[in-house]
Amino acid sequence: MNLKEYTDKHTQIALAKSIEAAPSFVNQWVKGDRPVPAMYCVAIERVTGGQVTRQELRPDDFWLIWPDLPAPATAGA
């Protein structure tokens, strides 16, 4: 599930409150106007119960930020 799908079922305001972010920031992330900052990704993964993952939030660089996560097969190719 991506962030948009999650916020279609749960409000952006509720997510913003639970991760202590401004609702306007969450709205920008949901619309794809801005990438989700790494500092919020773990919190989003936690409060969504893993429904939205760090890999989904940062598909282009998650393995660089969190080396404990395996890199995709195409990384560095």
PDB file of N, CA and C in Angstrom:
ATOM      1  N   MET A   1       0.854  -1.172   0.000  1.00  0.00           N
ATOM      2  CA  MET A   1       0.000   0.000   0.000  1.00  0.00           C
ATOM      3  C   MET A   1       0.902   1.238   0.000  1.00  0.00           C
ATOM      4  N   ASN A   2       0.572   2.197  -0.822  1.00  0.00           N
ATOM      5  CA  ASN A   2       1.363   3.426  -0.815  1.00  0.00           C
ATOM      6  C   ASN A   2       0.711   4.470   0.093  1.00  0.00           C
ATOM      7  N   LEU A   3       1.373   5.588   0.243  1.00  0.00           N
ATOM      8  CA  LEU A   3       0.900   6.622   1.162  1.00  0.00           C
ATOM      9  C   LEU A   3      -0.461   7.171   0.742  1.00  0.00           C
ATOM     10  N   LYS A   4      -0.675   7.331  -0.544  1.00  0.00           N
ATOM     11  CA  LYS A   4      -1.967   7.834  -1.040  1.00  0.00           C
ATOM     12  C   LYS A   4      -3.085   6.867  -0.680  1.00  0.00           C
ATOM     13  N   GLU A   5      -2.864   5.587  -0.930  1.00  0.00           N
ATOM     14  CA  GLU A   5      -3.880   4.583  -0.601  1.00  0.00           C
ATOM     15  C   GLU A   5      -4.168   4.570   0.895  1.00  0.00           C
ATOM     16  N   TYR A   6      -3.126   4.685   1.696  1.00  0.00           N
ATOM     17  CA  TYR A   6      -3.305   4.697   3.148  1.00  0.00           C
ATOM     18  C   TYR A   6      -4.138   5.897   3.580  1.00  0.00           C
ATOM     19  N   THR A   7      -3.823   7.072   3.033  1.00  0.00           N
ATOM     20  CA  THR A   7      -4.548   8.273   3.457  1.00  0.00           C
ATOM     21  C   THR A   7      -5.934   8.373   2.828  1.00  0.00           C
ATOM     22  N   ASP A   8      -6.229   7.526   1.857  1.00  0.00           N
ATOM     23  CA  ASP A   8      -7.608   7.441   1.367  1.00  0.00           C
ATOM     24  C   ASP A   8      -8.495   6.778   2.420  1.00  0.00           C
ATOM     25  N   LYS A   9      -7.891   5.923   3.254  1.00  0.00           N
ATOM     26  CA  LYS A   9      -8.634   5.212   4.298  1.00  0.00           C
ATOM     27  C   LYS A   9      -8.493   5.882   5.664  1.00  0.00           C
ATOM     28  N   HIS A  10      -7.398   6.583   5.873  1.00  0.00           N
ATOM     29  CA  HIS A  10      -7.105   7.274   7.131  1.00  0.00           C
ATOM     30  C   HIS A  10      -6.763   8.716   6.767  1.00  0.00           C
ATOM     31  N   THR A  11      -7.148   9.652   7.571  1.00  0.00           N
ATOM     32  CA  THR A  11      -6.948  11.046   7.180  1.00  0.00           C
ATOM     33  C   THR A  11      -5.482  11.459   7.219  1.00  0.00           C
ATOM     34  N   GLN A  12      -5.158  12.398   6.356  1.00  0.00           N
ATOM     35  CA  GLN A  12      -3.816  12.971   6.346  1.00  0.00           C
ATOM     36  C   GLN A  12      -3.539  13.681   7.666  1.00  0.00           C
ATOM     37  N   ILE A  13      -4.552  14.306   8.224  1.00  0.00           N
ATOM     38  CA  ILE A  13      -4.375  15.025   9.491  1.00  0.00           C
ATOM     39  C   ILE A  13      -4.028  14.053  10.615  1.00  0.00           C
ATOM     40  N   ALA A  14      -4.703  12.915  10.652  1.00  0.00           N
ATOM     41  CA  ALA A  14      -4.402  11.917  11.689  1.00  0.00           C
ATOM     42  C   ALA A  14      -2.977  11.401  11.543  1.00  0.00           C
ATOM     43  N   LEU A  15      -2.560  11.150  10.309  1.00  0.00           N
ATOM     44  CA  LEU A  15      -1.189  10.696  10.087  1.00  0.00           C
ATOM     45  C   LEU A  15      -0.204  11.775  10.515  1.00  0.00           C
ATOM     46  N   ALA A  16      -0.470  13.005  10.125  1.00  0.00           N
ATOM     47  CA  ALA A  16       0.420  14.116  10.482  1.00  0.00           C
ATOM     48  C   ALA A  16       0.575  14.226  11.998  1.00  0.00           C
ATOM     49  N   LYS A  17      -0.529  14.142  12.711  1.00  0.00           N
ATOM     50  CA  LYS A  17      -0.466  14.224  14.175  1.00  0.00           C
ATOM     51  C   LYS A  17       0.346  13.075  14.755  1.00  0.00           C
ATOM     52  N   SER A  18       0.134  11.884  14.231  1.00  0.00           N
ATOM     53  CA  SER A  18       0.794  10.712  14.813  1.00  0.00           C
ATOM     54  C   SER A  18       2.299  10.697  14.570  1.00  0.00           C
ATOM     55  N   ILE A  19       2.759  11.391  13.527  1.00  0.00           N
ATOM     56  CA  ILE A  19       4.205  11.441  13.274  1.00  0.00           C
ATOM     57  C   ILE A  19       4.789  12.817  13.581  1.00  0.00           C
ATOM     58  N   GLU A  20       3.951  13.694  14.134  1.00  0.00           N
ATOM     59  CA  GLU A  20       4.364  15.048  14.514  1.00  0.00           C
ATOM     60  C   GLU A  20       4.928  15.834  13.330  1.00  0.00           C
ATOM     61  N   ALA A  21       4.166  15.815  12.237  1.00  0.00           N
ATOM     62  CA  ALA A  21       4.526  16.575  11.034  1.00  0.00           C
ATOM     63  C   ALA A  21       3.383  17.524  10.699  1.00  0.00           C
ATOM     64  N   ALA A  22       3.689  18.555   9.972  1.00  0.00           N
ATOM     65  CA  ALA A  22       2.653  19.493   9.543  1.00  0.00           C
ATOM     66  C   ALA A  22       1.744  18.816   8.519  1.00  0.00           C
ATOM     67  N   PRO A  23       0.430  18.988   8.647  1.00  0.00           N
ATOM     68  CA  PRO A  23      -0.484  18.400   7.668  1.00  0.00           C
ATOM     69  C   PRO A  23      -0.174  18.823   6.229  1.00  0.00           C
ATOM     70  N   SER A  24       0.319  20.041   6.055  1.00  0.00           N
ATOM     71  CA  SER A  24       0.649  20.490   4.700  1.00  0.00           C
ATOM     72  C   SER A  24       1.803  19.677   4.112  1.00  0.00           C
ATOM     73  N   PHE A  25       2.744  19.253   4.960  1.00  0.00           N
ATOM     74  CA  PHE A  25       3.839  18.409   4.480  1.00  0.00           C
ATOM     75  C   PHE A  25       3.303  17.051   4.031  1.00  0.00           C
ATOM     76  N   VAL A  26       2.443  16.459   4.855  1.00  0.00           N
ATOM     77  CA  VAL A  26       1.867  15.157   4.508  1.00  0.00           C
ATOM     78  C   VAL A  26       1.113  15.267   3.187  1.00  0.00           C
ATOM     79  N   ASN A  27       0.381  16.342   3.011  1.00  0.00           N
ATOM     80  CA  ASN A  27      -0.352  16.544   1.765  1.00  0.00           C
ATOM     81  C   ASN A  27       0.594  16.602   0.566  1.00  0.00           C
ATOM     82  N   GLN A  28       1.717  17.269   0.716  1.00  0.00           N
ATOM     83  CA  GLN A  28       2.700  17.349  -0.374  1.00  0.00           C
ATOM     84  C   GLN A  28       3.289  15.976  -0.684  1.00  0.00           C
ATOM     85  N   TRP A  29       3.517  15.169   0.343  1.00  0.00           N
ATOM     86  CA  TRP A  29       4.053  13.821   0.128  1.00  0.00           C
ATOM     87  C   TRP A  29       3.031  12.954  -0.589  1.00  0.00           C
ATOM     88  N   VAL A  30       1.780  13.042  -0.151  1.00  0.00           N
ATOM     89  CA  VAL A  30       0.718  12.227  -0.745  1.00  0.00           C
ATOM     90  C   VAL A  30       0.537  12.578  -2.221  1.00  0.00           C
ATOM     91  N   LYS A  31       0.582  13.859  -2.536  1.00  0.00           N
ATOM     92  CA  LYS A  31       0.411  14.295  -3.923  1.00  0.00           C
ATOM     93  C   LYS A  31       1.645  14.036  -4.778  1.00  0.00           C
ATOM     94  N   GLY A  32       2.757  13.708  -4.142  1.00  0.00           N
ATOM     95  CA  GLY A  32       3.990  13.471  -4.883  1.00  0.00           C
ATOM     96  C   GLY A  32       4.743  14.739  -5.222  1.00  0.00           C
ATOM     97  N   ASP A  33       4.349  15.846  -4.595  1.00  0.00           N
ATOM     98  CA  ASP A  33       5.035  17.116  -4.842  1.00  0.00           C
ATOM     99  C   ASP A  33       6.432  17.141  -4.237  1.00  0.00           C
ATOM    100  N   ARG A  34       6.601  16.418  -3.135  1.00  0.00           N
ATOM    101  CA  ARG A  34       7.889  16.356  -2.439  1.00  0.00           C
ATOM    102  C   ARG A  34       8.101  14.936  -1.954  1.00  0.00           C
ATOM    103  N   PRO A  35       9.354  14.494  -1.923  1.00  0.00           N
ATOM    104  CA  PRO A  35       9.608  13.164  -1.351  1.00  0.00           C
ATOM    105  C   PRO A  35       9.457  13.205   0.170  1.00  0.00           C
ATOM    106  N   VAL A  36       9.131  12.077   0.741  1.00  0.00           N
ATOM    107  CA  VAL A  36       9.034  11.989   2.199  1.00  0.00           C
ATOM    108  C   VAL A  36      10.452  12.040   2.762  1.00  0.00           C
ATOM    109  N   PRO A  37      10.736  12.988   3.658  1.00  0.00           N
ATOM    110  CA  PRO A  37      12.069  13.027   4.266  1.00  0.00           C
ATOM    111  C   PRO A  37      12.346  11.736   5.043  1.00  0.00           C
ATOM    112  N   ALA A  38      13.573  11.285   4.967  1.00  0.00           N
ATOM    113  CA  ALA A  38      13.958  10.036   5.628  1.00  0.00           C
ATOM    114  C   ALA A  38      13.604  10.041   7.110  1.00  0.00           C
ATOM    115  N   MET A  39      13.680  11.212   7.741  1.00  0.00           N
ATOM    116  CA  MET A  39      13.421  11.273   9.185  1.00  0.00           C
ATOM    117  C   MET A  39      11.982  10.896   9.553  1.00  0.00           C
ATOM    118  N   TYR A  40      11.066  10.897   8.593  1.00  0.00           N
ATOM    119  CA  TYR A  40       9.675  10.531   8.869  1.00  0.00           C
ATOM    120  C   TYR A  40       9.329   9.107   8.433  1.00  0.00           C
ATOM    121  N   CYS A  41      10.156   8.493   7.643  1.00  0.00           N
ATOM    122  CA  CYS A  41       9.802   7.198   7.055  1.00  0.00           C
ATOM    123  C   CYS A  41       9.613   6.087   8.077  1.00  0.00           C
ATOM    124  N   VAL A  42      10.497   5.989   9.043  1.00  0.00           N
ATOM    125  CA  VAL A  42      10.366   4.937  10.057  1.00  0.00           C
ATOM    126  C   VAL A  42       9.088   5.156  10.862  1.00  0.00           C
ATOM    127  N   ALA A  43       8.797   6.404  11.204  1.00  0.00           N
ATOM    128  CA  ALA A  43       7.579   6.707  11.961  1.00  0.00           C
ATOM    129  C   ALA A  43       6.335   6.345  11.155  1.00  0.00           C
ATOM    130  N   ILE A  44       6.340   6.649   9.869  1.00  0.00           N
ATOM    131  CA  ILE A  44       5.189   6.307   9.023  1.00  0.00           C
ATOM    132  C   ILE A  44       5.029   4.796   8.947  1.00  0.00           C
ATOM    133  N   GLU A  45       6.133   4.097   8.755  1.00  0.00           N
ATOM    134  CA  GLU A  45       6.069   2.636   8.709  1.00  0.00           C
ATOM    135  C   GLU A  45       5.506   2.087  10.022  1.00  0.00           C
ATOM    136  N   ARG A  46       5.934   2.660  11.136  1.00  0.00           N
ATOM    137  CA  ARG A  46       5.480   2.203  12.452  1.00  0.00           C
ATOM    138  C   ARG A  46       3.993   2.490  12.670  1.00  0.00           C
ATOM    139  N   VAL A  47       3.557   3.732  12.436  1.00  0.00           N
ATOM    140  CA  VAL A  47       2.159   4.074  12.730  1.00  0.00           C
ATOM    141  C   VAL A  47       1.178   3.435  11.749  1.00  0.00           C
ATOM    142  N   THR A  48       1.649   3.062  10.571  1.00  0.00           N
ATOM    143  CA  THR A  48       0.766   2.372   9.624  1.00  0.00           C
ATOM    144  C   THR A  48       0.798   0.863   9.823  1.00  0.00           C
ATOM    145  N   GLY A  49       1.535   0.423  10.819  1.00  0.00           N
ATOM    146  CA  GLY A  49       1.626  -1.008  11.075  1.00  0.00           C
ATOM    147  C   GLY A  49       2.290  -1.764   9.936  1.00  0.00           C
ATOM    148  N   GLY A  50       3.191  -1.082   9.233  1.00  0.00           N
ATOM    149  CA  GLY A  50       3.895  -1.706   8.120  1.00  0.00           C
ATOM    150  C   GLY A  50       3.117  -1.711   6.812  1.00  0.00           C
ATOM    151  N   GLN A  51       1.949  -1.095   6.811  1.00  0.00           N
ATOM    152  CA  GLN A  51       1.173  -1.030   5.569  1.00  0.00           C
ATOM    153  C   GLN A  51       1.852  -0.136   4.537  1.00  0.00           C
ATOM    154  N   VAL A  52       2.558   0.881   5.018  1.00  0.00           N
ATOM    155  CA  VAL A  52       3.367   1.746   4.154  1.00  0.00           C
ATOM    156  C   VAL A  52       4.806   1.578   4.631  1.00  0.00           C
ATOM    157  N   THR A  53       5.668   1.109   3.755  1.00  0.00           N
ATOM    158  CA  THR A  53       7.035   0.790   4.154  1.00  0.00           C
ATOM    159  C   THR A  53       8.029   1.867   3.731  1.00  0.00           C
ATOM    160  N   ARG A  54       9.191   1.805   4.358  1.00  0.00           N
ATOM    161  CA  ARG A  54      10.279   2.714   3.988  1.00  0.00           C
ATOM    162  C   ARG A  54      10.663   2.526   2.527  1.00  0.00           C
ATOM    163  N   GLN A  55      10.613   1.289   2.065  1.00  0.00           N
ATOM    164  CA  GLN A  55      10.951   1.008   0.672  1.00  0.00           C
ATOM    165  C   GLN A  55       9.977   1.696  -0.285  1.00  0.00           C
ATOM    166  N   GLU A  56       8.700   1.717   0.082  1.00  0.00           N
ATOM    167  CA  GLU A  56       7.701   2.380  -0.758  1.00  0.00           C
ATOM    168  C   GLU A  56       7.841   3.899  -0.700  1.00  0.00           C
ATOM    169  N   LEU A  57       8.222   4.399   0.458  1.00  0.00           N
ATOM    170  CA  LEU A  57       8.344   5.843   0.625  1.00  0.00           C
ATOM    171  C   LEU A  57       9.597   6.406  -0.040  1.00  0.00           C
ATOM    172  N   ARG A  58      10.675   5.626  -0.062  1.00  0.00           N
ATOM    173  CA  ARG A  58      11.959   6.082  -0.628  1.00  0.00           C
ATOM    174  C   ARG A  58      12.507   5.017  -1.584  1.00  0.00           C
ATOM    175  N   PRO A  59      11.805   4.719  -2.682  1.00  0.00           N
ATOM    176  CA  PRO A  59      12.218   3.614  -3.554  1.00  0.00           C
ATOM    177  C   PRO A  59      13.570   3.815  -4.235  1.00  0.00           C
ATOM    178  N   ASP A  60      14.009   5.049  -4.373  1.00  0.00           N
ATOM    179  CA  ASP A  60      15.258   5.316  -5.092  1.00  0.00           C
ATOM    180  C   ASP A  60      16.508   5.246  -4.232  1.00  0.00           C
ATOM    181  N   ASP A  61      16.341   5.250  -2.903  1.00  0.00           N
ATOM    182  CA  ASP A  61      17.544   5.287  -2.068  1.00  0.00           C
ATOM    183  C   ASP A  61      17.400   4.647  -0.690  1.00  0.00           C
ATOM    184  N   PHE A  62      16.339   3.882  -0.460  1.00  0.00           N
ATOM    185  CA  PHE A  62      16.115   3.348   0.889  1.00  0.00           C
ATOM    186  C   PHE A  62      17.277   2.519   1.404  1.00  0.00           C
ATOM    187  N   TRP A  63      17.928   1.751   0.552  1.00  0.00           N
ATOM    188  CA  TRP A  63      19.024   0.880   0.993  1.00  0.00           C
ATOM    189  C   TRP A  63      20.263   1.678   1.384  1.00  0.00           C
ATOM    190  N   LEU A  64      20.370   2.894   0.883  1.00  0.00           N
ATOM    191  CA  LEU A  64      21.487   3.758   1.271  1.00  0.00           C
ATOM    192  C   LEU A  64      21.241   4.396   2.637  1.00  0.00           C
ATOM    193  N   ILE A  65      19.982   4.680   2.916  1.00  0.00           N
ATOM    194  CA  ILE A  65      19.610   5.311   4.185  1.00  0.00           C
ATOM    195  C   ILE A  65      19.552   4.280   5.304  1.00  0.00           C
ATOM    196  N   TRP A  66      18.982   3.117   4.997  1.00  0.00           N
ATOM    197  CA  TRP A  66      18.817   2.046   5.978  1.00  0.00           C
ATOM    198  C   TRP A  66      19.533   0.796   5.468  1.00  0.00           C
ATOM    199  N   PRO A  67      20.811   0.669   5.757  1.00  0.00           N
ATOM    200  CA  PRO A  67      21.578  -0.471   5.234  1.00  0.00           C
ATOM    201  C   PRO A  67      21.077  -1.829   5.717  1.00  0.00           C
ATOM    202  N   ASP A  68      20.230  -1.839   6.756  1.00  0.00           N
ATOM    203  CA  ASP A  68      19.676  -3.108   7.224  1.00  0.00           C
ATOM    204  C   ASP A  68      18.646  -3.672   6.248  1.00  0.00           C
ATOM    205  N   LEU A  69      18.151  -2.835   5.327  1.00  0.00           N
ATOM    206  CA  LEU A  69      17.197  -3.297   4.318  1.00  0.00           C
ATOM    207  C   LEU A  69      17.961  -3.726   3.070  1.00  0.00           C
ATOM    208  N   PRO A  70      17.575  -4.850   2.489  1.00  0.00           N
ATOM    209  CA  PRO A  70      18.294  -5.310   1.296  1.00  0.00           C
ATOM    210  C   PRO A  70      18.045  -4.385   0.102  1.00  0.00           C
ATOM    211  N   ALA A  71      19.093  -4.150  -0.651  1.00  0.00           N
ATOM    212  CA  ALA A  71      18.986  -3.325  -1.858  1.00  0.00           C
ATOM    213  C   ALA A  71      18.220  -4.090  -2.924  1.00  0.00           C
ATOM    214  N   PRO A  72      17.495  -3.377  -3.768  1.00  0.00           N
ATOM    215  CA  PRO A  72      16.819  -4.062  -4.873  1.00  0.00           C
ATOM    216  C   PRO A  72      17.856  -4.639  -5.839  1.00  0.00           C
ATOM    217  N   ALA A  73      17.463  -5.619  -6.601  1.00  0.00           N
ATOM    218  CA  ALA A  73      18.383  -6.301  -7.515  1.00  0.00           C
ATOM    219  C   ALA A  73      19.020  -5.348  -8.518  1.00  0.00           C
ATOM    220  N   THR A  74      18.335  -4.269  -8.868  1.00  0.00           N
ATOM    221  CA  THR A  74      18.849  -3.336  -9.869  1.00  0.00           C
ATOM    222  C   THR A  74      19.712  -2.232  -9.278  1.00  0.00           C
ATOM    223  N   ALA A  75      19.836  -2.162  -7.957  1.00  0.00           N
ATOM    224  CA  ALA A  75      20.628  -1.099  -7.321  1.00  0.00           C
ATOM    225  C   ALA A  75      22.093  -1.239  -7.694  1.00  0.00           C
ATOM    226  N   GLY A  76      22.662  -0.151  -8.139  1.00  0.00           N
ATOM    227  CA  GLY A  76      24.071  -0.133  -8.482  1.00  0.00           C
ATOM    228  C   GLY A  76      24.394  -0.810  -9.798  1.00  0.00           C
ATOM    229  N   ALA A  77      23.369  -1.242 -10.518  1.00  0.00           N
ATOM    230  CA  ALA A  77      23.611  -1.926 -11.801  1.00  0.00           C
ATOM    231  C   ALA A  77      23.811  -0.941 -12.918  1.00  0.00           C
TER     232      ALA A  77
END
